[in-house]
């Protein structure tokens, strides 16, 4: 179980375990779960960054955008998926 507050290291450990458990099913389990969501490719990419433990600032740096733009995009994604934030997003994709 992953509860707030959690660190990037804790999230990465859980992600590694989940991805390892799904690797024998013919592909990346995370990508398979994301394919079923009503998201654009760009939104999926943002979700992947979040699930890999990157902060808004880190994502903004990689995308060469400002941090507020990333925050706004993530807020729209959370709304679209009916979750309130990173923790709920994680649990929606990987119910434990």
N, C-alpha and C. Protein backbone atom coordinates (compact mmCIF):
# COMPACT_ATOMS: atom_id res chain seq x y z
N UNK A 1 0.84 -1.18 0.00
CA UNK A 1 0.00 0.00 0.00
C UNK A 1 0.89 1.24 0.00
N UNK A 2 0.55 2.21 -0.78
CA UNK A 2 1.31 3.45 -0.88
C UNK A 2 0.43 4.58 -0.40
N UNK A 3 0.82 5.18 0.72
CA UNK A 3 0.03 6.26 1.30
C UNK A 3 0.82 7.55 1.30
N UNK A 4 0.10 8.66 1.24
CA UNK A 4 0.72 9.98 1.31
C UNK A 4 1.14 10.26 2.73
N UNK A 5 2.19 10.97 2.95
CA UNK A 5 3.14 11.41 1.92
C UNK A 5 4.08 10.27 1.56
N UNK A 6 4.46 10.21 0.31
CA UNK A 6 5.42 9.20 -0.13
C UNK A 6 6.49 9.89 -0.95
N UNK A 7 7.66 9.30 -0.93
CA UNK A 7 8.78 9.86 -1.67
C UNK A 7 8.90 9.22 -3.04
N UNK A 8 9.69 9.85 -3.88
CA UNK A 8 9.90 9.33 -5.24
C UNK A 8 10.50 7.94 -5.20
N UNK A 9 11.38 7.69 -4.23
CA UNK A 9 11.99 6.36 -4.10
C UNK A 9 10.98 5.28 -3.79
N UNK A 10 10.04 5.60 -2.89
CA UNK A 10 8.99 4.65 -2.55
C UNK A 10 8.11 4.35 -3.76
N UNK A 11 7.76 5.39 -4.49
CA UNK A 11 6.93 5.22 -5.68
C UNK A 11 7.67 4.38 -6.72
N UNK A 12 8.94 4.67 -6.91
CA UNK A 12 9.73 3.92 -7.89
C UNK A 12 9.81 2.44 -7.51
N UNK A 13 9.98 2.15 -6.22
CA UNK A 13 10.03 0.75 -5.76
C UNK A 13 8.74 0.02 -6.07
N UNK A 14 7.61 0.66 -5.76
CA UNK A 14 6.31 0.04 -6.03
C UNK A 14 6.13 -0.15 -7.54
N UNK A 15 6.48 0.85 -8.32
CA UNK A 15 6.36 0.75 -9.78
C UNK A 15 7.20 -0.40 -10.31
N UNK A 16 8.43 -0.52 -9.82
CA UNK A 16 9.30 -1.60 -10.27
C UNK A 16 8.68 -2.96 -9.98
N UNK A 17 8.11 -3.10 -8.78
CA UNK A 17 7.48 -4.37 -8.42
C UNK A 17 6.27 -4.66 -9.31
N UNK A 18 5.46 -3.64 -9.56
CA UNK A 18 4.27 -3.84 -10.40
C UNK A 18 4.65 -4.16 -11.84
N UNK A 19 5.63 -3.45 -12.35
CA UNK A 19 6.06 -3.70 -13.73
C UNK A 19 6.68 -5.08 -13.86
N UNK A 20 7.45 -5.50 -12.87
CA UNK A 20 8.06 -6.82 -12.90
C UNK A 20 7.00 -7.91 -12.86
N UNK A 21 5.95 -7.70 -12.09
CA UNK A 21 4.90 -8.71 -11.99
C UNK A 21 4.10 -8.80 -13.27
N UNK A 22 4.08 -7.76 -14.08
CA UNK A 22 3.31 -7.78 -15.32
C UNK A 22 4.13 -8.11 -16.54
N UNK A 23 5.44 -8.26 -16.38
CA UNK A 23 6.30 -8.43 -17.56
C UNK A 23 6.08 -9.76 -18.27
N UNK A 24 5.56 -10.76 -17.58
CA UNK A 24 5.34 -12.04 -18.21
C UNK A 24 4.05 -12.11 -19.00
N UNK A 25 3.28 -11.04 -19.06
CA UNK A 25 1.97 -11.08 -19.73
C UNK A 25 2.01 -10.47 -21.12
N UNK A 26 3.20 -10.41 -21.70
CA UNK A 26 3.27 -9.96 -23.09
C UNK A 26 3.34 -8.46 -23.24
N UNK A 27 4.12 -7.78 -22.45
CA UNK A 27 4.29 -6.35 -22.63
C UNK A 27 4.36 -5.61 -21.33
N UNK A 28 4.53 -4.32 -21.46
CA UNK A 28 4.64 -3.46 -20.30
C UNK A 28 3.25 -3.26 -19.69
N UNK A 29 3.09 -3.68 -18.45
CA UNK A 29 1.78 -3.61 -17.78
C UNK A 29 1.28 -2.18 -17.68
N UNK A 30 2.18 -1.25 -17.40
CA UNK A 30 1.78 0.14 -17.27
C UNK A 30 1.25 0.68 -18.60
N UNK A 31 1.96 0.42 -19.67
CA UNK A 31 1.51 0.89 -20.98
C UNK A 31 0.17 0.27 -21.35
N UNK A 32 -0.03 -1.00 -21.01
CA UNK A 32 -1.30 -1.65 -21.29
C UNK A 32 -2.44 -0.98 -20.54
N UNK A 33 -2.21 -0.63 -19.30
CA UNK A 33 -3.25 0.03 -18.52
C UNK A 33 -3.55 1.43 -19.07
N UNK A 34 -2.51 2.13 -19.49
CA UNK A 34 -2.70 3.48 -20.02
C UNK A 34 -3.44 3.48 -21.35
N UNK A 35 -3.26 2.44 -22.15
CA UNK A 35 -3.93 2.37 -23.45
C UNK A 35 -5.45 2.37 -23.31
N UNK A 36 -5.95 1.86 -22.21
CA UNK A 36 -7.39 1.80 -22.00
C UNK A 36 -8.01 3.08 -21.49
N UNK A 37 -7.20 4.09 -21.24
CA UNK A 37 -7.71 5.35 -20.70
C UNK A 37 -7.99 6.35 -21.81
N UNK A 38 -8.95 7.24 -21.59
CA UNK A 38 -9.31 8.24 -22.61
C UNK A 38 -8.32 9.41 -22.60
N UNK A 39 -7.05 9.11 -22.91
CA UNK A 39 -6.00 10.12 -22.88
C UNK A 39 -5.32 10.21 -24.23
N UNK A 40 -4.82 11.40 -24.54
CA UNK A 40 -4.00 11.57 -25.73
C UNK A 40 -2.62 11.00 -25.46
N UNK A 41 -1.82 10.85 -26.48
CA UNK A 41 -0.46 10.34 -26.29
C UNK A 41 0.34 11.27 -25.39
N UNK A 42 0.18 12.57 -25.54
CA UNK A 42 0.89 13.53 -24.69
C UNK A 42 0.46 13.37 -23.23
N UNK A 43 -0.83 13.19 -23.01
CA UNK A 43 -1.32 12.99 -21.64
C UNK A 43 -0.78 11.70 -21.05
N UNK A 44 -0.71 10.65 -21.85
CA UNK A 44 -0.13 9.39 -21.37
C UNK A 44 1.32 9.58 -20.97
N UNK A 45 2.02 10.36 -21.76
CA UNK A 45 3.43 10.65 -21.46
C UNK A 45 3.56 11.37 -20.13
N UNK A 46 2.69 12.33 -19.88
CA UNK A 46 2.71 13.04 -18.60
C UNK A 46 2.40 12.09 -17.44
N UNK A 47 1.41 11.22 -17.63
CA UNK A 47 1.07 10.24 -16.59
C UNK A 47 2.26 9.33 -16.32
N UNK A 48 2.94 8.88 -17.37
CA UNK A 48 4.12 8.04 -17.19
C UNK A 48 5.18 8.77 -16.36
N UNK A 49 5.39 10.04 -16.62
CA UNK A 49 6.37 10.82 -15.86
C UNK A 49 5.97 10.90 -14.39
N UNK A 50 4.69 11.12 -14.14
CA UNK A 50 4.18 11.18 -12.76
C UNK A 50 4.40 9.84 -12.07
N UNK A 51 4.05 8.77 -12.75
CA UNK A 51 4.15 7.44 -12.15
C UNK A 51 5.59 6.99 -11.95
N UNK A 52 6.49 7.62 -12.67
CA UNK A 52 7.91 7.34 -12.46
C UNK A 52 8.52 8.23 -11.39
N UNK A 53 7.66 9.00 -10.71
CA UNK A 53 8.10 9.77 -9.55
C UNK A 53 8.67 11.14 -9.85
N UNK A 54 8.51 11.63 -11.07
CA UNK A 54 9.03 12.95 -11.40
C UNK A 54 8.12 14.04 -10.85
N UNK A 55 8.74 15.10 -10.36
CA UNK A 55 7.98 16.25 -9.87
C UNK A 55 7.51 17.09 -11.06
N UNK A 56 6.59 17.99 -10.80
CA UNK A 56 6.15 18.91 -11.86
C UNK A 56 7.33 19.67 -12.44
N UNK A 57 8.23 20.10 -11.58
CA UNK A 57 9.41 20.85 -12.03
C UNK A 57 10.29 19.99 -12.94
N UNK A 58 10.50 18.73 -12.58
CA UNK A 58 11.31 17.84 -13.39
C UNK A 58 10.65 17.60 -14.75
N UNK A 59 9.35 17.39 -14.73
CA UNK A 59 8.62 17.17 -15.98
C UNK A 59 8.72 18.41 -16.86
N UNK A 60 8.55 19.58 -16.26
CA UNK A 60 8.62 20.84 -17.02
C UNK A 60 10.00 21.02 -17.65
N UNK A 61 11.04 20.67 -16.93
CA UNK A 61 12.40 20.79 -17.47
C UNK A 61 12.59 19.88 -18.67
N UNK A 62 12.14 18.64 -18.56
CA UNK A 62 12.28 17.68 -19.66
C UNK A 62 11.49 18.14 -20.88
N UNK A 63 10.29 18.68 -20.66
CA UNK A 63 9.43 19.11 -21.76
C UNK A 63 9.71 20.52 -22.25
N UNK A 64 10.64 21.21 -21.57
CA UNK A 64 10.97 22.60 -21.89
C UNK A 64 9.72 23.48 -21.82
N UNK A 65 8.98 23.30 -20.70
CA UNK A 65 7.79 24.10 -20.43
C UNK A 65 7.93 24.70 -19.04
N UNK A 66 7.03 25.61 -18.71
CA UNK A 66 7.06 26.12 -17.35
C UNK A 66 6.27 25.18 -16.44
N UNK A 67 6.58 25.25 -15.17
CA UNK A 67 5.98 24.35 -14.19
C UNK A 67 4.46 24.51 -14.10
N UNK A 68 3.97 25.73 -14.24
CA UNK A 68 2.52 25.96 -14.17
C UNK A 68 1.79 25.27 -15.31
N UNK A 69 2.39 25.24 -16.51
CA UNK A 69 1.77 24.54 -17.64
C UNK A 69 1.62 23.05 -17.35
N UNK A 70 2.65 22.47 -16.74
CA UNK A 70 2.60 21.06 -16.38
C UNK A 70 1.52 20.83 -15.34
N UNK A 71 1.48 21.70 -14.34
CA UNK A 71 0.47 21.57 -13.29
C UNK A 71 -0.93 21.66 -13.87
N UNK A 72 -1.16 22.60 -14.78
CA UNK A 72 -2.47 22.75 -15.41
C UNK A 72 -2.84 21.51 -16.23
N UNK A 73 -1.87 20.98 -16.96
CA UNK A 73 -2.12 19.78 -17.77
C UNK A 73 -2.45 18.58 -16.88
N UNK A 74 -1.73 18.44 -15.78
CA UNK A 74 -1.99 17.33 -14.87
C UNK A 74 -3.35 17.47 -14.19
N UNK A 75 -3.71 18.69 -13.83
CA UNK A 75 -5.02 18.93 -13.23
C UNK A 75 -6.13 18.51 -14.20
N UNK A 76 -5.96 18.82 -15.48
CA UNK A 76 -6.94 18.43 -16.49
C UNK A 76 -7.00 16.92 -16.64
N UNK A 77 -5.85 16.26 -16.59
CA UNK A 77 -5.81 14.80 -16.68
C UNK A 77 -6.50 14.17 -15.48
N UNK A 78 -6.19 14.67 -14.29
CA UNK A 78 -6.83 14.14 -13.09
C UNK A 78 -8.35 14.29 -13.17
N UNK A 79 -8.80 15.43 -13.64
CA UNK A 79 -10.23 15.67 -13.78
C UNK A 79 -10.85 14.69 -14.78
N UNK A 80 -10.18 14.51 -15.89
CA UNK A 80 -10.65 13.60 -16.93
C UNK A 80 -10.78 12.17 -16.40
N UNK A 81 -9.86 11.78 -15.52
CA UNK A 81 -9.84 10.42 -14.99
C UNK A 81 -10.62 10.27 -13.69
N UNK A 82 -11.11 11.39 -13.15
CA UNK A 82 -11.90 11.34 -11.93
C UNK A 82 -11.08 11.07 -10.68
N UNK A 83 -9.83 11.54 -10.68
CA UNK A 83 -8.98 11.40 -9.50
C UNK A 83 -8.57 12.78 -9.02
N UNK A 84 -8.11 12.85 -7.77
CA UNK A 84 -7.77 14.14 -7.19
C UNK A 84 -6.28 14.46 -7.22
N UNK A 85 -5.44 13.49 -7.48
CA UNK A 85 -4.01 13.77 -7.47
C UNK A 85 -3.20 12.53 -7.78
N UNK A 86 -1.90 12.63 -7.54
CA UNK A 86 -0.96 11.57 -7.88
C UNK A 86 -1.28 10.25 -7.20
N UNK A 87 -1.56 10.29 -5.93
CA UNK A 87 -1.82 9.07 -5.18
C UNK A 87 -3.06 8.36 -5.71
N UNK A 88 -4.13 9.09 -5.94
CA UNK A 88 -5.35 8.49 -6.47
C UNK A 88 -5.14 7.98 -7.89
N UNK A 89 -4.34 8.68 -8.67
CA UNK A 89 -4.01 8.23 -10.02
C UNK A 89 -3.34 6.87 -9.95
N UNK A 90 -2.36 6.76 -9.08
CA UNK A 90 -1.63 5.51 -8.93
C UNK A 90 -2.58 4.38 -8.53
N UNK A 91 -3.42 4.62 -7.55
CA UNK A 91 -4.35 3.59 -7.08
C UNK A 91 -5.41 3.26 -8.12
N UNK A 92 -5.78 4.23 -8.96
CA UNK A 92 -6.75 3.95 -10.01
C UNK A 92 -6.15 3.02 -11.07
N UNK A 93 -4.87 3.20 -11.36
CA UNK A 93 -4.21 2.37 -12.35
C UNK A 93 -3.78 1.02 -11.80
N UNK A 94 -3.41 1.00 -10.52
CA UNK A 94 -2.90 -0.22 -9.90
C UNK A 94 -3.59 -0.43 -8.55
N UNK A 95 -4.83 -0.84 -8.56
CA UNK A 95 -5.52 -1.08 -7.29
C UNK A 95 -4.82 -2.20 -6.54
N UNK A 96 -4.49 -1.92 -5.30
CA UNK A 96 -3.77 -2.91 -4.50
C UNK A 96 -4.66 -3.50 -3.43
